[in-house]
Amino acid sequence: MKKIYPTFLVILAVAFSFSCKKEISPDLEVTVVRNDNSPVRGAWVRTSAPDAVSGILRADVLDAAQTDGFGKAYFSYENTILIDIALLRQPNDTVLIDSATALLEVKRKAQRSDNITERKLVFR
């Protein structure tokens, strides 16, 4: 009977260590570059839901951001989401310069892990 208790405690500890892991919300990092891979500052990046009735520019925009000095725009979401990403010159532009799609999924937290999806768009 004494041999069962240590084994039971080890199994219990292992079960709790896997079941108590937290979930990490997905983040998106969009990098906007020119053809020569130099960063573009001040470009507008919009994210919207796919399957929009009239296309990405008339969809309900989930978020919009302007790129920083390194050509990067950052977005954060709470749940798993499939999004369309659009690159524009100005916030109210109707001309799409480049686009991409990303599936951002919530994942379980591991040690020293993050949940960042990166996409690169080219400013032509």
Protein backbone atom coordinates (compact mmCIF):
# COMPACT_ATOMS: atom_id res chain seq x y z
CA MET A 1 0.00 0.00 0.00
CA LYS A 2 2.87 2.41 0.71
CA LYS A 3 4.18 2.01 -2.87
CA ILE A 4 0.87 3.16 -4.36
CA TYR A 5 0.87 6.63 -2.72
CA PRO A 6 4.07 7.98 -4.37
CA THR A 7 2.95 6.67 -7.77
CA PHE A 8 -0.49 8.20 -7.30
CA LEU A 9 1.01 11.56 -6.28
CA VAL A 10 3.29 11.62 -9.34
CA ILE A 11 0.37 10.85 -11.67
CA LEU A 12 -1.73 13.53 -9.99
CA ALA A 13 1.06 16.12 -10.28
CA VAL A 14 1.57 15.37 -13.99
CA ALA A 15 -2.17 15.62 -14.66
CA PHE A 16 -2.40 19.03 -12.99
CA SER A 17 0.67 20.37 -14.75
CA PHE A 18 -0.91 19.75 -18.17
CA SER A 19 -4.44 20.81 -17.31
CA CYS A 20 -3.48 24.13 -15.72
CA LYS A 21 -1.72 25.64 -18.74
CA LYS A 22 -3.13 28.99 -19.76
CA GLU A 23 -4.17 29.91 -23.26
CA ILE A 24 -2.39 32.65 -25.19
CA SER A 25 -4.45 34.99 -27.35
CA PRO A 26 -3.19 35.45 -30.91
CA ASP A 27 -1.28 38.53 -32.04
CA LEU A 28 -0.55 39.65 -35.58
CA GLU A 29 2.56 41.53 -36.72
CA VAL A 30 2.36 42.95 -40.24
CA THR A 31 5.56 44.23 -41.86
CA VAL A 32 5.22 46.55 -44.86
CA VAL A 33 8.25 46.80 -47.17
CA ARG A 34 9.12 48.16 -50.60
CA ASN A 35 10.42 45.94 -53.41
CA ASP A 36 13.98 46.39 -52.07
CA ASN A 37 12.91 45.21 -48.56
CA SER A 38 13.19 48.67 -46.98
CA PRO A 39 10.44 49.42 -44.42
CA VAL A 40 7.53 51.70 -45.28
CA ARG A 41 6.51 54.21 -42.63
CA GLY A 42 2.97 55.60 -42.53
CA ALA A 43 1.18 52.98 -44.63
CA TRP A 44 -2.26 51.87 -43.44
CA VAL A 45 -3.04 48.26 -42.64
CA ARG A 46 -6.63 47.12 -42.14
CA THR A 47 -7.98 43.80 -40.97
CA SER A 48 -11.50 42.60 -41.71
CA ALA A 49 -13.61 39.48 -41.69
CA PRO A 50 -13.41 37.29 -44.78
CA ASP A 51 -16.46 36.51 -46.92
CA ALA A 52 -17.55 40.14 -46.88
CA VAL A 53 -20.50 40.75 -49.17
CA SER A 54 -18.80 43.43 -51.28
CA GLY A 55 -15.12 42.67 -50.64
CA ILE A 56 -12.54 43.63 -48.08
CA LEU A 57 -12.85 47.41 -48.40
CA ARG A 58 -16.57 47.44 -47.64
CA ALA A 59 -16.45 44.84 -44.86
CA ASP A 60 -16.80 45.68 -41.21
CA VAL A 61 -13.23 46.56 -40.34
CA LEU A 62 -12.06 44.83 -37.22
CA ASP A 63 -9.02 47.02 -36.77
CA ALA A 64 -6.75 49.49 -38.56
CA ALA A 65 -3.24 50.72 -37.81
CA GLN A 66 -0.55 52.87 -39.37
CA THR A 67 2.94 51.40 -39.73
CA ASP A 68 5.73 52.68 -37.48
CA GLY A 69 9.29 53.63 -38.46
CA PHE A 70 10.19 49.98 -38.91
CA GLY A 71 7.25 49.36 -41.25
CA LYS A 72 5.35 47.33 -38.63
CA ALA A 73 1.74 47.34 -37.49
CA TYR A 74 0.50 45.25 -34.56
CA PHE A 75 -2.91 43.73 -33.85
CA SER A 76 -4.20 41.63 -30.94
CA TYR A 77 -7.24 39.37 -30.75
CA GLU A 78 -8.86 37.42 -27.95
CA ASN A 79 -10.06 34.34 -29.83
CA THR A 80 -9.21 32.26 -32.87
CA ILE A 81 -10.04 34.26 -35.99
CA LEU A 82 -9.60 34.12 -39.76
CA ILE A 83 -8.90 37.62 -41.09
CA ASP A 84 -8.14 39.42 -44.31
CA ILE A 85 -5.29 41.94 -44.22
CA ALA A 86 -5.30 44.92 -46.59
CA LEU A 87 -2.52 47.43 -47.31
CA LEU A 88 -3.59 50.99 -48.24
CA ARG A 89 -1.84 54.32 -48.83
CA GLN A 90 -4.37 56.38 -46.83
CA PRO A 91 -7.05 55.33 -44.30
CA ASN A 92 -9.94 56.10 -46.69
CA ASP A 93 -8.32 54.77 -49.87
CA THR A 94 -10.24 52.41 -52.11
CA VAL A 95 -7.14 51.14 -53.95
CA LEU A 96 -5.79 47.94 -52.46
CA ILE A 97 -1.97 47.80 -52.73
CA ASP A 98 -1.43 44.30 -51.31
CA SER A 99 -3.38 41.80 -49.24
CA ALA A 100 -3.04 38.56 -47.30
CA THR A 101 -5.08 36.20 -45.17
CA ALA A 102 -4.15 34.83 -41.75
CA LEU A 103 -5.62 32.24 -39.41
CA LEU A 104 -4.83 33.35 -35.87
CA GLU A 105 -5.39 30.59 -33.34
CA VAL A 106 -5.45 30.57 -29.56
CA LYS A 107 -2.85 28.13 -28.26
CA ARG A 108 -1.81 26.68 -24.96
CA LYS A 109 0.99 28.45 -23.17
CA ALA A 110 4.36 26.77 -23.00
CA GLN A 111 7.40 28.12 -21.21
CA ARG A 112 8.76 31.26 -22.87
CA SER A 113 6.30 31.11 -25.71
CA ASP A 114 4.31 33.72 -27.52
CA ASN A 115 1.58 33.51 -30.10
CA ILE A 116 2.58 35.96 -32.83
CA THR A 117 1.76 35.43 -36.49
CA GLU A 118 3.85 37.47 -38.93
CA ARG A 119 2.85 38.58 -42.41
CA LYS A 120 4.80 40.68 -44.93
CA LEU A 121 3.09 42.99 -47.42
CA VAL A 122 4.84 44.74 -50.30
CA PHE A 123 4.18 48.43 -50.99
CA ARG A 124 4.38 48.79 -54.78
